[in-house]
Amino acid sequence: MAYYFFDLAGEIAPEDTTIHYNAGFLANDLGMYEEAKKHFNLLLDVEEYDKLNTYYFMVQILSGQDENPEGAYDMVMAAREEYPEDKILAEYEIQLLLQLNKMDEAMASIQEALKSDPNNAAILLRSGS
């Protein structure tokens, strides 16, 4: 019921980012991925909003439930433009490049990520792959 109340509140106050984040979070948790994407996409359109967690959710939904690694990769690249130093996004980028069988691009991303974080076990593991 909480999701439906947040969804309704989002219709009443569409500018309230907290409502949309909570609605998206709950919808995702309930397996209502289209509804989650609706609310998260609204947040991505708000220029001054801190979108990092929203990007994480969207990448996970696109790559997992939607089985759309290309869409997830596009989302990661949009996120990296706003958050170029985020290590989780760098890991997502590498993982998606590997899934898309873009090995040369994946190795270039791995080498770039290792410059700023040479002891990152997850990136070193992907490098070994």
N, C-alpha and C. Protein backbone atom coordinates (compact mmCIF):
# COMPACT_ATOMS: atom_id res chain seq x y z
N MET A 1 0.82 -1.19 0.00
CA MET A 1 0.00 0.00 0.00
C MET A 1 0.87 1.26 0.00
N ALA A 2 2.04 1.16 0.63
CA ALA A 2 2.89 2.35 0.71
C ALA A 2 3.25 2.85 -0.68
N TYR A 3 3.56 1.90 -1.60
CA TYR A 3 3.89 2.35 -2.96
C TYR A 3 2.74 3.15 -3.55
N TYR A 4 1.53 2.65 -3.43
CA TYR A 4 0.39 3.33 -4.05
C TYR A 4 0.16 4.71 -3.46
N PHE A 5 0.41 4.86 -2.17
CA PHE A 5 0.28 6.19 -1.57
C PHE A 5 1.37 7.13 -2.06
N PHE A 6 2.61 6.63 -2.18
CA PHE A 6 3.68 7.48 -2.72
C PHE A 6 3.41 7.82 -4.18
N ASP A 7 2.89 6.85 -4.94
CA ASP A 7 2.57 7.11 -6.35
C ASP A 7 1.51 8.20 -6.45
N LEU A 8 0.47 8.10 -5.63
CA LEU A 8 -0.59 9.11 -5.61
C LEU A 8 -0.02 10.46 -5.19
N ALA A 9 0.81 10.46 -4.16
CA ALA A 9 1.41 11.71 -3.70
C ALA A 9 2.27 12.33 -4.80
N GLY A 10 2.93 11.49 -5.61
CA GLY A 10 3.73 12.00 -6.73
C GLY A 10 2.88 12.66 -7.79
N GLU A 11 1.66 12.20 -7.96
CA GLU A 11 0.75 12.86 -8.89
C GLU A 11 0.28 14.20 -8.35
N ILE A 12 0.10 14.27 -7.04
CA ILE A 12 -0.36 15.50 -6.40
C ILE A 12 0.77 16.53 -6.34
N ALA A 13 1.98 16.06 -6.03
CA ALA A 13 3.15 16.96 -5.90
C ALA A 13 4.28 16.43 -6.78
N PRO A 14 4.15 16.60 -8.11
CA PRO A 14 5.14 16.01 -9.02
C PRO A 14 6.55 16.57 -8.85
N GLU A 15 6.69 17.72 -8.21
CA GLU A 15 8.01 18.32 -8.03
C GLU A 15 8.74 17.76 -6.80
N ASP A 16 8.08 16.95 -6.00
CA ASP A 16 8.66 16.43 -4.75
C ASP A 16 9.54 15.22 -5.05
N THR A 17 10.84 15.42 -5.04
CA THR A 17 11.77 14.35 -5.40
C THR A 17 11.80 13.22 -4.36
N THR A 18 11.58 13.55 -3.11
CA THR A 18 11.57 12.52 -2.07
C THR A 18 10.45 11.53 -2.29
N ILE A 19 9.30 12.04 -2.68
CA ILE A 19 8.16 11.16 -2.97
C ILE A 19 8.50 10.22 -4.12
N HIS A 20 9.07 10.75 -5.19
CA HIS A 20 9.38 9.91 -6.35
C HIS A 20 10.48 8.90 -6.04
N TYR A 21 11.47 9.31 -5.24
CA TYR A 21 12.51 8.35 -4.87
C TYR A 21 11.90 7.21 -4.06
N ASN A 22 11.08 7.55 -3.08
CA ASN A 22 10.45 6.51 -2.25
C ASN A 22 9.55 5.60 -3.08
N ALA A 23 8.78 6.19 -3.99
CA ALA A 23 7.91 5.38 -4.86
C ALA A 23 8.75 4.45 -5.73
N GLY A 24 9.83 4.98 -6.31
CA GLY A 24 10.69 4.15 -7.14
C GLY A 24 11.37 3.05 -6.34
N PHE A 25 11.84 3.39 -5.17
CA PHE A 25 12.49 2.41 -4.29
C PHE A 25 11.53 1.28 -3.94
N LEU A 26 10.33 1.64 -3.50
CA LEU A 26 9.34 0.63 -3.12
C LEU A 26 8.90 -0.21 -4.31
N ALA A 27 8.65 0.44 -5.44
CA ALA A 27 8.25 -0.31 -6.64
C ALA A 27 9.33 -1.31 -7.03
N ASN A 28 10.58 -0.88 -6.99
CA ASN A 28 11.69 -1.78 -7.32
C ASN A 28 11.71 -2.96 -6.35
N ASP A 29 11.56 -2.67 -5.06
CA ASP A 29 11.58 -3.71 -4.03
C ASP A 29 10.44 -4.70 -4.22
N LEU A 30 9.31 -4.23 -4.73
CA LEU A 30 8.14 -5.08 -4.95
C LEU A 30 8.16 -5.79 -6.30
N GLY A 31 9.21 -5.55 -7.10
CA GLY A 31 9.29 -6.16 -8.42
C GLY A 31 8.42 -5.48 -9.45
N MET A 32 8.02 -4.25 -9.19
CA MET A 32 7.20 -3.46 -10.11
C MET A 32 8.15 -2.54 -10.89
N TYR A 33 8.89 -3.13 -11.81
CA TYR A 33 10.02 -2.43 -12.42
C TYR A 33 9.61 -1.30 -13.36
N GLU A 34 8.52 -1.45 -14.07
CA GLU A 34 8.07 -0.37 -14.95
C GLU A 34 7.68 0.85 -14.11
N GLU A 35 7.00 0.61 -12.98
CA GLU A 35 6.63 1.70 -12.10
C GLU A 35 7.87 2.35 -11.49
N ALA A 36 8.84 1.52 -11.12
CA ALA A 36 10.10 2.06 -10.56
C ALA A 36 10.79 2.94 -11.59
N LYS A 37 10.86 2.46 -12.83
CA LYS A 37 11.51 3.26 -13.89
C LYS A 37 10.77 4.57 -14.12
N LYS A 38 9.45 4.55 -14.03
CA LYS A 38 8.67 5.78 -14.21
C LYS A 38 9.12 6.83 -13.20
N HIS A 39 9.20 6.46 -11.95
CA HIS A 39 9.58 7.42 -10.91
C HIS A 39 11.06 7.80 -11.00
N PHE A 40 11.91 6.84 -11.28
CA PHE A 40 13.34 7.15 -11.38
C PHE A 40 13.61 8.05 -12.59
N ASN A 41 12.92 7.81 -13.69
CA ASN A 41 13.12 8.68 -14.86
C ASN A 41 12.67 10.11 -14.58
N LEU A 42 11.62 10.27 -13.78
CA LEU A 42 11.21 11.62 -13.39
C LEU A 42 12.34 12.31 -12.60
N LEU A 43 13.01 11.56 -11.74
CA LEU A 43 14.11 12.13 -10.96
C LEU A 43 15.29 12.50 -11.86
N LEU A 44 15.55 11.69 -12.88
CA LEU A 44 16.67 11.97 -13.77
C LEU A 44 16.46 13.25 -14.57
N ASP A 45 15.21 13.67 -14.68
CA ASP A 45 14.91 14.92 -15.40
C ASP A 45 15.05 16.17 -14.54
N VAL A 46 15.25 16.00 -13.24
CA VAL A 46 15.38 17.14 -12.33
C VAL A 46 16.85 17.54 -12.27
N GLU A 47 17.16 18.68 -12.84
CA GLU A 47 18.55 19.09 -13.02
C GLU A 47 19.34 19.16 -11.72
N GLU A 48 18.77 19.75 -10.68
CA GLU A 48 19.53 19.98 -9.45
C GLU A 48 19.52 18.78 -8.50
N TYR A 49 18.84 17.71 -8.85
CA TYR A 49 18.71 16.53 -7.98
C TYR A 49 20.00 15.71 -8.01
N ASP A 50 20.42 15.18 -6.85
CA ASP A 50 21.57 14.27 -6.78
C ASP A 50 21.11 12.89 -7.24
N LYS A 51 21.48 12.53 -8.45
CA LYS A 51 20.91 11.38 -9.13
C LYS A 51 21.69 10.08 -8.98
N LEU A 52 22.77 10.07 -8.23
CA LEU A 52 23.66 8.91 -8.23
C LEU A 52 22.93 7.61 -7.87
N ASN A 53 22.20 7.58 -6.77
CA ASN A 53 21.49 6.35 -6.41
C ASN A 53 20.42 5.98 -7.44
N THR A 54 19.81 6.98 -8.02
CA THR A 54 18.81 6.73 -9.05
C THR A 54 19.45 6.04 -10.25
N TYR A 55 20.63 6.50 -10.64
CA TYR A 55 21.35 5.84 -11.72
C TYR A 55 21.67 4.38 -11.36
N TYR A 56 22.10 4.14 -10.12
CA TYR A 56 22.40 2.77 -9.71
C TYR A 56 21.18 1.87 -9.89
N PHE A 57 20.02 2.35 -9.42
CA PHE A 57 18.80 1.55 -9.56
C PHE A 57 18.47 1.30 -11.03
N MET A 58 18.56 2.34 -11.85
CA MET A 58 18.20 2.20 -13.26
C MET A 58 19.12 1.22 -13.97
N VAL A 59 20.40 1.29 -13.68
CA VAL A 59 21.35 0.36 -14.32
C VAL A 59 21.01 -1.07 -13.92
N GLN A 60 20.72 -1.29 -12.66
CA GLN A 60 20.39 -2.63 -12.20
C GLN A 60 19.11 -3.15 -12.84
N ILE A 61 18.10 -2.30 -12.95
CA ILE A 61 16.84 -2.72 -13.57
C ILE A 61 17.06 -3.02 -15.05
N LEU A 62 17.75 -2.12 -15.75
CA LEU A 62 17.96 -2.31 -17.19
C LEU A 62 18.79 -3.55 -17.48
N SER A 63 19.85 -3.75 -16.71
CA SER A 63 20.72 -4.90 -17.00
C SER A 63 20.14 -6.20 -16.48
N GLY A 64 19.40 -6.15 -15.37
CA GLY A 64 18.86 -7.37 -14.77
C GLY A 64 17.48 -7.72 -15.29
N GLN A 65 16.49 -7.06 -14.78
CA GLN A 65 15.10 -7.41 -15.10
C GLN A 65 14.76 -7.19 -16.57
N ASP A 66 15.23 -6.09 -17.15
CA ASP A 66 14.92 -5.81 -18.56
C ASP A 66 15.83 -6.57 -19.52
N GLU A 67 16.91 -7.15 -19.01
CA GLU A 67 17.89 -7.85 -19.85
C GLU A 67 18.30 -6.98 -21.03
N ASN A 68 18.65 -5.74 -20.72
CA ASN A 68 19.00 -4.75 -21.73
C ASN A 68 20.37 -4.15 -21.41
N PRO A 69 21.45 -4.91 -21.66
CA PRO A 69 22.77 -4.39 -21.31
C PRO A 69 23.15 -3.14 -22.11
N GLU A 70 22.64 -3.01 -23.33
CA GLU A 70 22.94 -1.81 -24.11
C GLU A 70 22.32 -0.57 -23.46
N GLY A 71 21.06 -0.70 -23.03
CA GLY A 71 20.40 0.40 -22.35
C GLY A 71 21.07 0.71 -21.02
N ALA A 72 21.49 -0.33 -20.31
CA ALA A 72 22.20 -0.13 -19.05
C ALA A 72 23.53 0.58 -19.28
N TYR A 73 24.22 0.19 -20.35
CA TYR A 73 25.50 0.84 -20.67
C TYR A 73 25.28 2.32 -21.00
N ASP A 74 24.25 2.61 -21.78
CA ASP A 74 23.94 4.01 -22.09
C ASP A 74 23.64 4.80 -20.81
N MET A 75 22.93 4.17 -19.87
CA MET A 75 22.61 4.83 -18.61
C MET A 75 23.89 5.08 -17.81
N VAL A 76 24.79 4.10 -17.80
CA VAL A 76 26.06 4.27 -17.09
C VAL A 76 26.85 5.41 -17.69
N MET A 77 26.87 5.50 -19.00
CA MET A 77 27.65 6.56 -19.64
C MET A 77 27.06 7.94 -19.34
N ALA A 78 25.74 8.04 -19.29
CA ALA A 78 25.11 9.31 -18.89
C ALA A 78 25.46 9.64 -17.45
N ALA A 79 25.45 8.64 -16.60
CA ALA A 79 25.80 8.85 -15.19
C ALA A 79 27.25 9.25 -15.03
N ARG A 80 28.13 8.65 -15.81
CA ARG A 80 29.56 8.97 -15.70
C ARG A 80 29.85 10.40 -16.12
N GLU A 81 29.03 10.96 -17.01
CA GLU A 81 29.21 12.37 -17.38
C GLU A 81 28.98 13.27 -16.17
N GLU A 82 28.01 12.90 -15.33
CA GLU A 82 27.70 13.70 -14.14
C GLU A 82 28.58 13.34 -12.95
N TYR A 83 29.01 12.09 -12.89
CA TYR A 83 29.78 11.60 -11.74
C TYR A 83 31.02 10.85 -12.24
N PRO A 84 31.96 11.54 -12.87
CA PRO A 84 33.10 10.86 -13.51
C PRO A 84 34.03 10.15 -12.52
N GLU A 85 34.02 10.54 -11.28
CA GLU A 85 34.94 9.94 -10.30
C GLU A 85 34.32 8.77 -9.53
N ASP A 86 33.06 8.45 -9.79
CA ASP A 86 32.39 7.41 -9.02
C ASP A 86 32.93 6.03 -9.40
N LYS A 87 33.44 5.30 -8.42
CA LYS A 87 34.06 4.00 -8.67
C LYS A 87 33.05 2.91 -8.99
N ILE A 88 31.87 3.00 -8.43
CA ILE A 88 30.84 1.99 -8.72
C ILE A 88 30.40 2.09 -10.18
N LEU A 89 30.23 3.31 -10.66
CA LEU A 89 29.86 3.48 -12.07
C LEU A 89 30.97 2.96 -12.98
N ALA A 90 32.23 3.16 -12.59
CA ALA A 90 33.34 2.62 -13.39
C ALA A 90 33.27 1.10 -13.44
N GLU A 91 32.95 0.48 -12.32
CA GLU A 91 32.81 -0.97 -12.30
C GLU A 91 31.63 -1.44 -13.16
N TYR A 92 30.50 -0.72 -13.07
CA TYR A 92 29.35 -1.05 -13.92
C TYR A 92 29.73 -0.96 -15.39
N GLU A 93 30.44 0.11 -15.75
CA GLU A 93 30.83 0.30 -17.14
C GLU A 93 31.66 -0.88 -17.63
N ILE A 94 32.64 -1.28 -16.85
CA ILE A 94 33.50 -2.39 -17.24
C ILE A 94 32.70 -3.68 -17.36
N GLN A 95 31.86 -3.96 -16.38
CA GLN A 95 31.06 -5.18 -16.42
C GLN A 95 30.15 -5.22 -17.64
N LEU A 96 29.53 -4.10 -17.95
CA LEU A 96 28.63 -4.06 -19.11
C LEU A 96 29.41 -4.20 -20.42
N LEU A 97 30.58 -3.59 -20.50
CA LEU A 97 31.40 -3.75 -21.70
C LEU A 97 31.78 -5.21 -21.89
N LEU A 98 32.10 -5.89 -20.80
CA LEU A 98 32.41 -7.32 -20.89
C LEU A 98 31.19 -8.12 -21.34
N GLN A 99 30.01 -7.79 -20.80
CA GLN A 99 28.78 -8.48 -21.22
C GLN A 99 28.49 -8.25 -22.70
N LEU A 100 28.81 -7.06 -23.17
CA LEU A 100 28.55 -6.72 -24.57
C LEU A 100 29.67 -7.19 -25.50
N ASN A 101 30.65 -7.89 -24.91
CA ASN A 101 31.77 -8.44 -25.66
C ASN A 101 32.60 -7.36 -26.36
N LYS A 102 32.73 -6.22 -25.70
CA LYS A 102 33.55 -5.12 -26.21
C LYS A 102 34.85 -5.11 -25.41
N MET A 103 35.68 -6.09 -25.71
CA MET A 103 36.86 -6.36 -24.89
C MET A 103 37.89 -5.23 -24.95
N ASP A 104 38.12 -4.66 -26.11
CA ASP A 104 39.11 -3.58 -26.20
C ASP A 104 38.68 -2.37 -25.37
N GLU A 105 37.40 -2.02 -25.47
CA GLU A 105 36.88 -0.91 -24.68
C GLU A 105 36.91 -1.23 -23.18
N ALA A 106 36.60 -2.49 -22.85
CA ALA A 106 36.64 -2.90 -21.45
C ALA A 106 38.05 -2.78 -20.89
N MET A 107 39.04 -3.23 -21.65
CA MET A 107 40.43 -3.14 -21.17
C MET A 107 40.86 -1.69 -21.02
N ALA A 108 40.44 -0.83 -21.93
CA ALA A 108 40.77 0.59 -21.82
C ALA A 108 40.14 1.18 -20.56
N SER A 109 38.89 0.82 -20.27
CA SER A 109 38.22 1.30 -19.06
C SER A 109 38.89 0.75 -17.81
N ILE A 110 39.30 -0.50 -17.86
CA ILE A 110 39.99 -1.11 -16.73
C ILE A 110 41.30 -0.37 -16.44
N GLN A 111 42.08 -0.12 -17.48
CA GLN A 111 43.35 0.58 -17.29
C GLN A 111 43.13 1.98 -16.72
N GLU A 112 42.10 2.66 -17.20
CA GLU A 112 41.79 4.01 -16.70
C GLU A 112 41.36 3.94 -15.23
N ALA A 113 40.53 2.98 -14.90
CA ALA A 113 40.06 2.84 -13.52
C ALA A 113 41.20 2.49 -12.57
N LEU A 114 42.12 1.67 -13.04
CA LEU A 114 43.25 1.27 -12.19
C LEU A 114 44.23 2.41 -11.93
N LYS A 115 44.23 3.41 -12.80
CA LYS A 115 45.09 4.57 -12.56
C LYS A 115 44.70 5.29 -11.27
N SER A 116 43.40 5.41 -11.04
CA SER A 116 42.94 6.13 -9.85
C SER A 116 42.72 5.21 -8.65
N ASP A 117 42.64 3.92 -8.89
CA ASP A 117 42.37 2.98 -7.80
C ASP A 117 43.10 1.67 -8.09
N PRO A 118 44.44 1.65 -7.97
CA PRO A 118 45.23 0.50 -8.41
C PRO A 118 45.02 -0.77 -7.58
N ASN A 119 44.42 -0.68 -6.43
CA ASN A 119 44.23 -1.86 -5.58
C ASN A 119 42.77 -2.32 -5.52
N ASN A 120 41.96 -1.83 -6.44
CA ASN A 120 40.54 -2.20 -6.45
C ASN A 120 40.41 -3.66 -6.89
N ALA A 121 40.03 -4.51 -5.94
CA ALA A 121 39.97 -5.95 -6.21
C ALA A 121 38.97 -6.30 -7.31
N ALA A 122 37.83 -5.63 -7.35
CA ALA A 122 36.82 -5.93 -8.35
C ALA A 122 37.32 -5.60 -9.75
N ILE A 123 38.00 -4.50 -9.88
CA ILE A 123 38.53 -4.12 -11.20
C ILE A 123 39.70 -5.01 -11.59
N LEU A 124 40.54 -5.35 -10.63
CA LEU A 124 41.64 -6.28 -10.92
C LEU A 124 41.10 -7.64 -11.35
N LEU A 125 40.02 -8.09 -10.72
CA LEU A 125 39.39 -9.36 -11.11
C LEU A 125 38.89 -9.30 -12.54
N ARG A 126 38.24 -8.19 -12.89
CA ARG A 126 37.74 -8.04 -14.26
C ARG A 126 38.90 -7.96 -15.25
N SER A 127 39.98 -7.37 -14.85
CA SER A 127 41.17 -7.32 -15.69
C SER A 127 41.68 -8.72 -15.97
N GLY A 128 41.68 -9.54 -14.96
CA GLY A 128 42.12 -10.92 -15.12
C GLY A 128 41.20 -11.72 -16.02
N SER A 129 39.93 -11.34 -16.02
CA SER A 129 38.97 -12.04 -16.88
C SER A 129 39.34 -11.85 -18.32
